[in-house]
Amino acid sequence: MEHCLAMPDLQPLRAEHGPAIFAFEVENRAYFAAWVSDRGDDYFENFSDRLDERLAEQETGSCAYYVLVETDGSIIGRFSLVDIDDKAAELGYRVGQRVAGRGVATAAVQEVCRLAASQMGLDTLRARTTYENVGSQNVLTKAGFVPAGAADVGGRPGTWYRLDLASQQA
């Protein structure tokens, strides 16, 4: 019997993910800083407080956070729906350098979009990325997002993207 490689599992953020998320952020800090503003030393020094804040936001329903977990428990991606209001939210995501360019982000973004529509009743998602982050632009385009204007991404010029979830389900 042929052994199949297990696909990573998209899971809602839970407190027990904390150590694996911290390891993921530390491992990929320089890689992420090439595309978005660095989180800064304070983020890492006060990581448990940040995690508690995300969990509290998730509990109120104003945000939804997900992690992409490998079979060994390591985190290879983070996905968020923030500022949930009036059936709309902003999508954010990051995947680790070792899985970048392999379709992992696209598949997970598509799943988060499906969950946003089917479980959360959202109609519209927005996302933004810098002009130089072609990989992220490709992920958004493959997931059905369309350019929707200029954006500031942590002080860098970029583009807003928009996805009408109702049209995706038709």
Foldseek 3Di string as FASTA:
>chain_A
DDDDADFWDKDWDDLVLQVLVLVQCVQAQVVVCVWAPGPDPVCSVPVSVVSVVVVVCVVVVQKTKIFTAHPVGHTFKIWMWHRDDPLETEIDMDGGPVCQPVCNLLVVVLVVLVCSCPVVVHFKYKYKTAPPPVSVVVSCVSSPWDWDAWDQGNNGIITMTMHGSVVVVD
